[in-house]
Amino acid sequence: MNKLYVGNLSPSVTVEDLKQLFCERKLPVADQILLKSGYAFVDFPDQNWAIKAIETLSGKVELHGKVIEVDYSVPKKLRLAGKRGIALCGPDSSEAPACVETAPLPAATHVGHREESHDGGHDAPM
């Protein structure tokens, strides 16, 4: 998974600020940065760069007076599925960063991807 969630951003942070932050740390970002209010989604060229970004930045870097959080972007439905005790293992959840073995996924339940959250969640745009 190469898409990361960057959270705890000040409302004054711009896409240019994020690009500069990654550039200063020699972290190459892919095509686009999707900036929302207080968070952003950033694509990296491959998983190794994504891991390096998490290790380099999360909880260690301050931007506009706030320490930023960097983690894998997990679609909202997958996050909610884990809270309801549904398994996050198998072919429909290949993007889940960890396999949580709880209850089997009911056949009628569809775990898919959402394009974007309108409630301030950390949905990954696809």
Protein backbone atom coordinates (compact mmCIF):
# COMPACT_ATOMS: atom_id res chain seq x y z
CA MET A 1 0.00 0.00 0.00
CA ASN A 2 1.53 3.29 -1.12
CA LYS A 3 -1.19 5.74 -0.08
CA LEU A 4 -0.62 7.42 3.27
CA TYR A 5 -2.83 9.47 5.56
CA VAL A 6 -1.15 12.61 6.92
CA GLY A 7 -3.11 13.94 9.88
CA ASN A 8 -3.13 16.57 12.60
CA LEU A 9 -2.46 19.26 10.02
CA SER A 10 -2.99 22.91 10.82
CA PRO A 11 -5.73 24.54 8.72
CA SER A 12 -3.05 26.84 7.28
CA VAL A 13 -1.01 23.98 5.72
CA THR A 14 -0.92 24.04 1.92
CA VAL A 15 -0.04 21.43 -0.69
CA GLU A 16 3.20 23.37 -1.27
CA ASP A 17 4.05 23.05 2.45
CA LEU A 18 3.60 19.28 2.24
CA LYS A 19 5.63 19.01 -0.98
CA GLN A 20 8.44 21.02 0.63
CA LEU A 21 8.33 18.84 3.77
CA PHE A 22 8.72 15.65 1.72
CA CYS A 23 11.35 17.20 -0.54
CA GLU A 24 13.48 18.37 2.42
CA ARG A 25 13.54 14.79 3.69
CA LYS A 26 14.20 13.35 0.22
CA LEU A 27 10.86 11.49 0.18
CA PRO A 28 9.54 11.31 -3.39
CA VAL A 29 5.79 11.68 -3.66
CA ALA A 30 3.83 10.35 -6.61
CA ASP A 31 1.46 12.36 -8.79
CA GLN A 32 -0.80 14.17 -6.36
CA ILE A 33 -1.44 15.26 -2.80
CA LEU A 34 -5.10 15.46 -1.80
CA LEU A 35 -5.40 18.06 0.97
CA LYS A 36 -8.52 18.25 3.12
CA SER A 37 -9.20 20.27 6.26
CA GLY A 38 -6.76 18.94 8.86
CA TYR A 39 -5.48 15.96 6.87
CA ALA A 40 -4.16 14.86 3.49
CA PHE A 41 -3.64 11.76 1.38
CA VAL A 42 -0.25 11.32 -0.24
CA ASP A 43 0.78 8.68 -2.78
CA PHE A 44 4.33 7.34 -2.80
CA PRO A 45 6.05 5.54 -5.69
CA ASP A 46 6.22 2.24 -3.80
CA GLN A 47 5.72 0.65 -0.40
CA ASN A 48 9.36 1.11 0.64
CA TRP A 49 9.05 4.89 0.28
CA ALA A 50 5.72 4.84 2.13
CA ILE A 51 7.31 2.95 5.05
CA LYS A 52 10.25 5.37 5.09
CA ALA A 53 7.84 8.33 5.18
CA ILE A 54 5.98 6.86 8.18
CA GLU A 55 9.23 6.13 10.02
CA THR A 56 10.72 9.54 9.21
CA LEU A 57 7.73 11.78 9.85
CA SER A 58 5.03 10.32 12.09
CA GLY A 59 5.08 11.97 15.49
CA LYS A 60 8.53 13.42 14.79
CA VAL A 61 7.90 16.47 12.62
CA GLU A 62 6.12 19.71 13.39
CA LEU A 63 4.39 21.61 10.60
CA HIS A 64 2.78 24.99 11.31
CA GLY A 65 2.99 24.34 15.05
CA LYS A 66 1.46 20.84 15.06
CA VAL A 67 3.18 17.46 15.21
CA ILE A 68 1.92 15.51 12.21
CA GLU A 69 0.71 11.91 12.11
CA VAL A 70 1.57 9.72 9.13
CA ASP A 71 0.12 6.25 8.64
CA TYR A 72 -1.33 3.95 6.02
CA SER A 73 -4.59 5.18 4.56
CA VAL A 74 -7.35 2.67 5.28
CA PRO A 75 -10.73 3.03 3.55
CA LYS A 76 -13.53 3.90 5.99
CA LYS A 77 -15.50 0.70 5.35
CA LEU A 78 -12.49 -1.40 6.30
CA ARG A 79 -11.95 0.62 9.48
CA LEU A 80 -15.62 0.28 10.41
CA ALA A 81 -15.62 -3.44 9.58
CA GLY A 82 -12.88 -3.96 12.16
CA LYS A 83 -14.89 -2.09 14.80
CA ARG A 84 -17.92 -4.34 14.14
CA GLY A 85 -15.90 -7.52 14.64
CA ILE A 86 -15.78 -8.45 10.96
CA ALA A 87 -12.61 -10.10 9.72
CA LEU A 88 -10.18 -7.91 7.84
CA CYS A 89 -8.53 -10.88 6.14
CA GLY A 90 -8.94 -12.24 2.64
CA PRO A 91 -9.12 -10.98 -0.93
CA ASP A 92 -11.50 -8.06 -0.24
CA SER A 93 -9.18 -6.56 2.34
CA SER A 94 -5.78 -6.78 0.70
CA GLU A 95 -5.14 -3.14 1.57
CA ALA A 96 -5.65 -3.59 5.32
CA PRO A 97 -2.30 -2.97 7.02
CA ALA A 98 -2.89 -5.76 9.51
CA CYS A 99 -4.97 -8.91 9.37
CA VAL A 100 -7.41 -8.92 12.26
CA GLU A 101 -8.93 -12.33 12.77
CA THR A 102 -12.30 -11.92 14.46
CA ALA A 103 -15.56 -13.17 12.96
CA PRO A 104 -15.98 -14.37 9.36
CA LEU A 105 -17.22 -11.79 6.89
CA PRO A 106 -20.94 -12.39 6.22
CA ALA A 107 -21.65 -13.30 2.60
CA ALA A 108 -24.15 -10.44 2.17
CA THR A 109 -21.70 -7.80 3.39
CA HIS A 110 -19.75 -5.98 0.73
CA VAL A 111 -16.48 -4.41 1.83
CA GLY A 112 -15.48 -1.98 -0.89
CA HIS A 113 -13.72 1.29 -1.39
CA ARG A 114 -15.12 4.75 -0.89
CA GLU A 115 -13.91 7.65 -2.90
CA GLU A 116 -14.03 10.30 -0.24
CA SER A 117 -15.43 11.03 3.20
CA HIS A 118 -17.83 13.84 3.90
CA ASP A 119 -17.72 13.32 7.66
CA GLY A 120 -14.06 14.09 8.34
CA GLY A 121 -12.99 10.42 8.28
CA HIS A 122 -9.77 9.14 6.80
CA ASP A 123 -11.21 7.58 3.66
CA ALA A 124 -8.71 6.90 0.96
CA PRO A 125 -9.73 8.21 -2.44
CA MET A 126 -9.45 5.52 -5.08
